[in-house]
């Protein structure tokens, strides 16, 4: 009976050691996968940041090239005489808009 019992214990121990080894391998693989996912997220964030920086730079260059306001844009044509005149208001200077009144209708 002792031989059978000893063989059974040895088999159990071998299986236990095999399971522990497999568990360590699986844990290491999971950790490696987590690190890989974190690295991938960091790379995507870096790419997004560089894309956004490029877009912002392009927007700034476009804005610098085309100012939002100029003296020419502030001049309006008097509909009665056809002459250009300086606008006293920068915004709402066209007929029918709030505060602009019904000029030249």
C-alpha atoms as a PDB file:
ATOM      1  CA  UNK A   1       0.000   0.000   0.000  1.00  0.00           C
ATOM      2  CA  UNK A   2       2.818   2.415   0.657  1.00  0.00           C
ATOM      3  CA  UNK A   3       4.197   2.056  -2.876  1.00  0.00           C
ATOM      4  CA  UNK A   4       0.837   2.865  -4.349  1.00  0.00           C
ATOM      5  CA  UNK A   5       0.392   5.720  -1.918  1.00  0.00           C
ATOM      6  CA  UNK A   6       3.875   7.099  -2.630  1.00  0.00           C
ATOM      7  CA  UNK A   7       3.285   6.892  -6.394  1.00  0.00           C
ATOM      8  CA  UNK A   8       0.010   8.724  -6.022  1.00  0.00           C
ATOM      9  CA  UNK A   9       1.663  11.464  -3.926  1.00  0.00           C
ATOM     10  CA  UNK A  10       4.493  11.834  -6.455  1.00  0.00           C
ATOM     11  CA  UNK A  11       1.971  12.097  -9.284  1.00  0.00           C
ATOM     12  CA  UNK A  12      -0.004  14.756  -7.377  1.00  0.00           C
ATOM     13  CA  UNK A  13       3.183  16.685  -6.634  1.00  0.00           C
ATOM     14  CA  UNK A  14       4.254  16.529 -10.273  1.00  0.00           C
ATOM     15  CA  UNK A  15       0.820  17.794 -11.366  1.00  0.00           C
ATOM     16  CA  UNK A  16       0.925  20.544  -8.735  1.00  0.00           C
ATOM     17  CA  UNK A  17       4.364  21.690  -9.917  1.00  0.00           C
ATOM     18  CA  UNK A  18       3.206  21.599 -13.531  1.00  0.00           C
ATOM     19  CA  UNK A  19       0.131  23.686 -12.650  1.00  0.00           C
ATOM     20  CA  UNK A  20       2.253  26.251 -10.770  1.00  0.00           C
ATOM     21  CA  UNK A  21       4.644  26.545 -13.722  1.00  0.00           C
ATOM     22  CA  UNK A  22       1.725  26.986 -16.135  1.00  0.00           C
ATOM     23  CA  UNK A  23       0.166  29.586 -13.830  1.00  0.00           C
ATOM     24  CA  UNK A  24       3.437  31.560 -13.659  1.00  0.00           C
ATOM     25  CA  UNK A  25       3.716  31.459 -17.451  1.00  0.00           C
ATOM     26  CA  UNK A  26       0.113  32.661 -17.825  1.00  0.00           C
ATOM     27  CA  UNK A  27       0.625  35.465 -15.302  1.00  0.00           C
ATOM     28  CA  UNK A  28       3.783  36.605 -17.082  1.00  0.00           C
ATOM     29  CA  UNK A  29       1.950  36.534 -20.429  1.00  0.00           C
ATOM     30  CA  UNK A  30      -0.945  38.579 -19.010  1.00  0.00           C
ATOM     31  CA  UNK A  31       1.475  41.151 -17.574  1.00  0.00           C
ATOM     32  CA  UNK A  32       3.289  41.337 -20.904  1.00  0.00           C
ATOM     33  CA  UNK A  33      -0.072  41.844 -22.655  1.00  0.00           C
ATOM     34  CA  UNK A  34      -1.015  44.651 -20.246  1.00  0.00           C
ATOM     35  CA  UNK A  35       2.325  46.369 -20.815  1.00  0.00           C
ATOM     36  CA  UNK A  36       1.891  46.018 -24.582  1.00  0.00           C
ATOM     37  CA  UNK A  37      -1.603  47.555 -24.379  1.00  0.00           C
ATOM     38  CA  UNK A  38      -0.323  50.452 -22.257  1.00  0.00           C
ATOM     39  CA  UNK A  39       2.492  51.080 -24.732  1.00  0.00           C
ATOM     40  CA  UNK A  40       0.002  51.023 -27.608  1.00  0.00           C
ATOM     41  CA  UNK A  41      -2.199  53.586 -25.781  1.00  0.00           C
ATOM     42  CA  UNK A  42       0.829  55.834 -25.191  1.00  0.00           C
ATOM     43  CA  UNK A  43       1.754  55.636 -28.876  1.00  0.00           C
ATOM     44  CA  UNK A  44      -1.824  56.510 -29.912  1.00  0.00           C
ATOM     45  CA  UNK A  45      -1.875  59.460 -27.492  1.00  0.00           C
ATOM     46  CA  UNK A  46       1.437  60.676 -28.910  1.00  0.00           C
ATOM     47  CA  UNK A  47       0.130  60.347 -32.473  1.00  0.00           C
ATOM     48  CA  UNK A  48      -3.101  62.164 -31.572  1.00  0.00           C
ATOM     49  CA  UNK A  49      -1.154  64.939 -29.873  1.00  0.00           C
ATOM     50  CA  UNK A  50       1.102  65.372 -32.897  1.00  0.00           C
ATOM     51  CA  UNK A  51      -1.907  65.366 -35.258  1.00  0.00           C
ATOM     52  CA  UNK A  52      -3.668  67.978 -33.137  1.00  0.00           C
ATOM     53  CA  UNK A  53      -0.521  70.078 -32.959  1.00  0.00           C
ATOM     54  CA  UNK A  54      -0.269  69.939 -36.753  1.00  0.00           C
ATOM     55  CA  UNK A  55      -3.906  70.979 -37.126  1.00  0.00           C
ATOM     56  CA  UNK A  56      -3.486  73.829 -34.657  1.00  0.00           C
ATOM     57  CA  UNK A  57      -0.376  75.029 -36.464  1.00  0.00           C
ATOM     58  CA  UNK A  58      -2.192  74.937 -39.805  1.00  0.00           C
ATOM     59  CA  UNK A  59      -5.145  76.821 -38.308  1.00  0.00           C
ATOM     60  CA  UNK A  60      -2.832  79.484 -36.870  1.00  0.00           C
ATOM     61  CA  UNK A  61      -1.056  79.891 -40.208  1.00  0.00           C
ATOM     62  CA  UNK A  62      -4.372  80.198 -42.040  1.00  0.00           C
ATOM     63  CA  UNK A  63      -5.623  82.720 -39.510  1.00  0.00           C
ATOM     64  CA  UNK A  64      -2.417  84.738 -39.843  1.00  0.00           C
ATOM     65  CA  UNK A  65      -2.723  84.674 -43.638  1.00  0.00           C
ATOM     66  CA  UNK A  66      -6.374  85.764 -43.632  1.00  0.00           C
ATOM     67  CA  UNK A  67      -7.149  88.280 -40.892  1.00  0.00           C
ATOM     68  CA  UNK A  68     -10.684  88.243 -39.543  1.00  0.00           C
ATOM     69  CA  UNK A  69     -11.003  92.006 -40.008  1.00  0.00           C
ATOM     70  CA  UNK A  70      -9.497  94.481 -42.421  1.00  0.00           C
ATOM     71  CA  UNK A  71     -10.098  98.120 -43.363  1.00  0.00           C
ATOM     72  CA  UNK A  72     -11.526  97.005 -46.695  1.00  0.00           C
ATOM     73  CA  UNK A  73     -14.032  94.750 -44.967  1.00  0.00           C
ATOM     74  CA  UNK A  74     -15.161  97.652 -42.787  1.00  0.00           C
ATOM     75  CA  UNK A  75     -16.054  99.828 -45.757  1.00  0.00           C
ATOM     76  CA  UNK A  76     -19.601  99.420 -46.979  1.00  0.00           C
ATOM     77  CA  UNK A  77     -21.372 100.719 -50.069  1.00  0.00           C
ATOM     78  CA  UNK A  78     -24.090 103.277 -49.542  1.00  0.00           C
ATOM     79  CA  UNK A  79     -27.053 101.924 -51.487  1.00  0.00           C
ATOM     80  CA  UNK A  80     -28.495 105.407 -52.145  1.00  0.00           C
ATOM     81  CA  UNK A  81     -25.433 107.070 -53.631  1.00  0.00           C
ATOM     82  CA  UNK A  82     -23.328 104.040 -54.583  1.00  0.00           C
ATOM     83  CA  UNK A  83     -20.331 105.515 -52.769  1.00  0.00           C
ATOM     84  CA  UNK A  84     -18.174 103.621 -50.373  1.00  0.00           C
ATOM     85  CA  UNK A  85     -18.252 104.889 -46.825  1.00  0.00           C
ATOM     86  CA  UNK A  86     -16.651 103.903 -43.537  1.00  0.00           C
ATOM     87  CA  UNK A  87     -18.850 101.770 -41.331  1.00  0.00           C
ATOM     88  CA  UNK A  88     -19.409 103.131 -37.851  1.00  0.00           C
ATOM     89  CA  UNK A  89     -20.285  99.691 -36.587  1.00  0.00           C
ATOM     90  CA  UNK A  90     -18.107  96.687 -37.172  1.00  0.00           C
ATOM     91  CA  UNK A  91     -20.843  94.120 -36.674  1.00  0.00           C
ATOM     92  CA  UNK A  92     -24.522  94.173 -37.582  1.00  0.00           C
ATOM     93  CA  UNK A  93     -23.987  96.659 -40.366  1.00  0.00           C
ATOM     94  CA  UNK A  94     -26.256  95.071 -42.922  1.00  0.00           C
ATOM     95  CA  UNK A  95     -29.957  95.685 -43.388  1.00  0.00           C
ATOM     96  CA  UNK A  96     -32.283  93.592 -41.309  1.00  0.00           C
ATOM     97  CA  UNK A  97     -29.792  92.527 -38.669  1.00  0.00           C
ATOM     98  CA  UNK A  98     -30.095  93.473 -35.055  1.00  0.00           C
ATOM     99  CA  UNK A  99     -28.886  96.986 -34.341  1.00  0.00           C
ATOM    100  CA  UNK A 100     -28.013  97.610 -37.978  1.00  0.00           C
ATOM    101  CA  UNK A 101     -31.316  99.124 -38.925  1.00  0.00           C
ATOM    102  CA  UNK A 102     -32.777  99.083 -42.419  1.00  0.00           C
ATOM    103  CA  UNK A 103     -30.034 100.953 -44.265  1.00  0.00           C
ATOM    104  CA  UNK A 104     -30.462 101.452 -47.967  1.00  0.00           C
ATOM    105  CA  UNK A 105     -33.711  99.576 -48.435  1.00  0.00           C
END
